Amino acid sequence: MTKHKNGLPFALHFPYSFDYPKEKVAIIDAYLHFAGWATSGGVISPDWYENKPGNRQESLIY
């Protein structure tokens, strides 16, 4: 996986549809476990993108 110097990936591929963050909202703000997942190499919170309680900030997602 190609990563930025901050450890986050440049691109993502999802097995099904993905609810995008609103314009100008960082993915790490909308999806609360994204940064942990990305920096752990996918070990921590592999379901970070799923619509489950505690995974996302609903007001920041389309």
N, C-alpha and C. Protein backbone atom coordinates (compact mmCIF):
# COMPACT_ATOMS: atom_id res chain seq x y z
N MET A 1 0.85 -1.17 0.00
CA MET A 1 0.00 0.00 0.00
C MET A 1 0.90 1.23 0.00
N THR A 2 0.64 2.15 -0.90
CA THR A 2 1.38 3.40 -0.95
C THR A 2 0.81 4.36 0.08
N LYS A 3 1.69 4.95 0.85
CA LYS A 3 1.25 5.82 1.93
C LYS A 3 1.88 7.20 1.85
N HIS A 4 1.19 8.16 2.40
CA HIS A 4 1.70 9.51 2.57
C HIS A 4 2.68 9.49 3.74
N LYS A 5 3.47 10.51 3.89
CA LYS A 5 4.44 10.55 5.00
C LYS A 5 3.78 10.50 6.37
N ASN A 6 2.46 10.83 6.44
CA ASN A 6 1.75 10.76 7.72
C ASN A 6 1.23 9.36 8.03
N GLY A 7 1.51 8.41 7.14
CA GLY A 7 1.11 7.02 7.36
C GLY A 7 -0.25 6.65 6.81
N LEU A 8 -0.98 7.62 6.25
CA LEU A 8 -2.31 7.34 5.70
C LEU A 8 -2.20 6.99 4.23
N PRO A 9 -3.05 6.09 3.73
CA PRO A 9 -2.98 5.66 2.33
C PRO A 9 -3.42 6.76 1.36
N PHE A 10 -2.90 6.71 0.14
CA PHE A 10 -3.28 7.64 -0.91
C PHE A 10 -4.63 7.29 -1.52
N ALA A 11 -4.96 6.02 -1.57
CA ALA A 11 -6.21 5.57 -2.22
C ALA A 11 -6.81 4.42 -1.42
N LEU A 12 -8.12 4.24 -1.61
CA LEU A 12 -8.85 3.17 -0.92
C LEU A 12 -9.74 2.44 -1.92
N HIS A 13 -9.93 1.15 -1.68
CA HIS A 13 -10.83 0.33 -2.50
C HIS A 13 -11.74 -0.42 -1.53
N PHE A 14 -13.05 -0.31 -1.75
CA PHE A 14 -14.03 -0.91 -0.84
C PHE A 14 -14.76 -2.06 -1.51
N PRO A 15 -15.12 -3.09 -0.73
CA PRO A 15 -15.83 -4.23 -1.29
C PRO A 15 -17.28 -3.93 -1.65
N TYR A 16 -17.80 -2.80 -1.19
CA TYR A 16 -19.15 -2.36 -1.53
C TYR A 16 -19.22 -0.85 -1.38
N SER A 17 -20.41 -0.26 -1.56
CA SER A 17 -20.51 1.20 -1.59
C SER A 17 -19.97 1.84 -0.31
N PHE A 18 -19.45 3.05 -0.48
CA PHE A 18 -18.83 3.79 0.61
C PHE A 18 -19.51 5.14 0.73
N ASP A 19 -19.88 5.52 1.94
CA ASP A 19 -20.49 6.82 2.20
C ASP A 19 -19.37 7.83 2.41
N TYR A 20 -19.26 8.76 1.47
CA TYR A 20 -18.17 9.73 1.49
C TYR A 20 -18.38 10.83 2.53
N PRO A 21 -17.27 11.35 3.07
CA PRO A 21 -17.39 12.53 3.94
C PRO A 21 -17.87 13.72 3.11
N LYS A 22 -18.47 14.69 3.77
CA LYS A 22 -18.91 15.90 3.09
C LYS A 22 -17.71 16.66 2.56
N GLU A 23 -17.97 17.61 1.65
CA GLU A 23 -16.91 18.45 1.09
C GLU A 23 -16.10 19.10 2.20
N LYS A 24 -14.80 19.11 2.02
CA LYS A 24 -13.84 19.74 2.93
C LYS A 24 -13.77 19.09 4.31
N VAL A 25 -14.32 17.89 4.46
CA VAL A 25 -14.23 17.15 5.72
C VAL A 25 -13.19 16.04 5.54
N ALA A 26 -12.22 16.01 6.42
CA ALA A 26 -11.18 14.98 6.36
C ALA A 26 -11.77 13.62 6.73
N ILE A 27 -11.31 12.59 6.07
CA ILE A 27 -11.81 11.25 6.34
C ILE A 27 -11.57 10.85 7.80
N ILE A 28 -10.50 11.34 8.39
CA ILE A 28 -10.22 11.00 9.79
C ILE A 28 -11.18 11.68 10.76
N ASP A 29 -11.85 12.74 10.30
CA ASP A 29 -12.86 13.39 11.14
C ASP A 29 -14.22 12.71 10.99
N ALA A 30 -14.53 12.24 9.80
CA ALA A 30 -15.82 11.59 9.54
C ALA A 30 -15.84 10.14 10.01
N TYR A 31 -14.75 9.44 9.82
CA TYR A 31 -14.65 8.03 10.21
C TYR A 31 -13.68 7.93 11.38
N LEU A 32 -14.22 7.69 12.53
CA LEU A 32 -13.50 7.83 13.79
C LEU A 32 -12.37 6.82 14.00
N HIS A 33 -12.40 5.70 13.30
CA HIS A 33 -11.36 4.68 13.48
C HIS A 33 -10.46 4.54 12.24
N PHE A 34 -10.61 5.44 11.28
CA PHE A 34 -9.82 5.35 10.05
C PHE A 34 -8.32 5.47 10.33
N ALA A 35 -7.92 6.47 11.08
CA ALA A 35 -6.49 6.69 11.32
C ALA A 35 -5.86 5.49 12.01
N GLY A 36 -6.53 4.93 12.99
CA GLY A 36 -6.02 3.75 13.68
C GLY A 36 -5.87 2.57 12.75
N TRP A 37 -6.86 2.39 11.88
CA TRP A 37 -6.82 1.31 10.90
C TRP A 37 -5.63 1.51 9.95
N ALA A 38 -5.51 2.72 9.41
CA ALA A 38 -4.47 3.00 8.42
C ALA A 38 -3.07 2.87 9.01
N THR A 39 -2.86 3.42 10.17
CA THR A 39 -1.51 3.39 10.75
C THR A 39 -1.14 2.03 11.33
N SER A 40 -2.15 1.17 11.55
CA SER A 40 -1.86 -0.19 12.05
C SER A 40 -1.67 -1.19 10.91
N GLY A 41 -1.74 -0.72 9.68
CA GLY A 41 -1.63 -1.62 8.54
C GLY A 41 -2.87 -2.48 8.35
N GLY A 42 -4.00 -2.00 8.85
CA GLY A 42 -5.26 -2.71 8.68
C GLY A 42 -5.59 -3.70 9.78
N VAL A 43 -4.76 -3.75 10.82
CA VAL A 43 -4.98 -4.69 11.91
C VAL A 43 -6.07 -4.20 12.87
N ILE A 44 -6.01 -2.94 13.24
CA ILE A 44 -6.98 -2.36 14.17
C ILE A 44 -8.21 -1.87 13.38
N SER A 45 -9.39 -2.14 13.87
CA SER A 45 -10.67 -1.66 13.32
C SER A 45 -10.84 -1.93 11.82
N PRO A 46 -10.76 -3.19 11.38
CA PRO A 46 -10.91 -3.48 9.96
C PRO A 46 -12.30 -3.13 9.41
N ASP A 47 -13.26 -2.89 10.27
CA ASP A 47 -14.60 -2.51 9.83
C ASP A 47 -14.87 -1.02 10.00
N TRP A 48 -13.83 -0.20 10.02
CA TRP A 48 -13.94 1.23 10.30
C TRP A 48 -14.93 1.95 9.39
N TYR A 49 -15.14 1.49 8.17
CA TYR A 49 -15.99 2.16 7.19
C TYR A 49 -17.45 1.70 7.23
N GLU A 50 -17.75 0.69 8.01
CA GLU A 50 -19.12 0.17 8.07
C GLU A 50 -20.00 1.06 8.95
N ASN A 51 -21.27 1.10 8.62
CA ASN A 51 -22.22 1.93 9.36
C ASN A 51 -22.63 1.22 10.65
N LYS A 52 -21.72 1.26 11.60
CA LYS A 52 -21.94 0.65 12.91
C LYS A 52 -21.79 1.73 13.98
N PRO A 53 -22.47 1.57 15.11
CA PRO A 53 -22.35 2.56 16.19
C PRO A 53 -20.89 2.81 16.58
N GLY A 54 -20.52 4.08 16.65
CA GLY A 54 -19.17 4.46 17.06
C GLY A 54 -18.14 4.52 15.96
N ASN A 55 -18.50 4.09 14.75
CA ASN A 55 -17.54 4.09 13.65
C ASN A 55 -17.44 5.42 12.92
N ARG A 56 -18.51 6.22 12.94
CA ARG A 56 -18.49 7.42 12.13
C ARG A 56 -19.29 8.56 12.76
N GLN A 57 -18.93 9.76 12.32
CA GLN A 57 -19.62 10.98 12.75
C GLN A 57 -20.66 11.28 11.68
N GLU A 58 -21.89 10.88 11.92
CA GLU A 58 -22.95 10.96 10.91
C GLU A 58 -23.14 12.35 10.32
N SER A 59 -22.98 13.39 11.12
CA SER A 59 -23.19 14.76 10.63
C SER A 59 -22.14 15.19 9.61
N LEU A 60 -21.07 14.44 9.47
CA LEU A 60 -20.00 14.78 8.54
C LEU A 60 -19.99 13.93 7.28
N ILE A 61 -21.01 13.09 7.12
CA ILE A 61 -21.07 12.17 5.98
C ILE A 61 -22.30 12.47 5.13
N TYR A 62 -22.12 12.36 3.79
CA TYR A 62 -23.26 12.56 2.88
C TYR A 62 -24.29 11.49 3.11
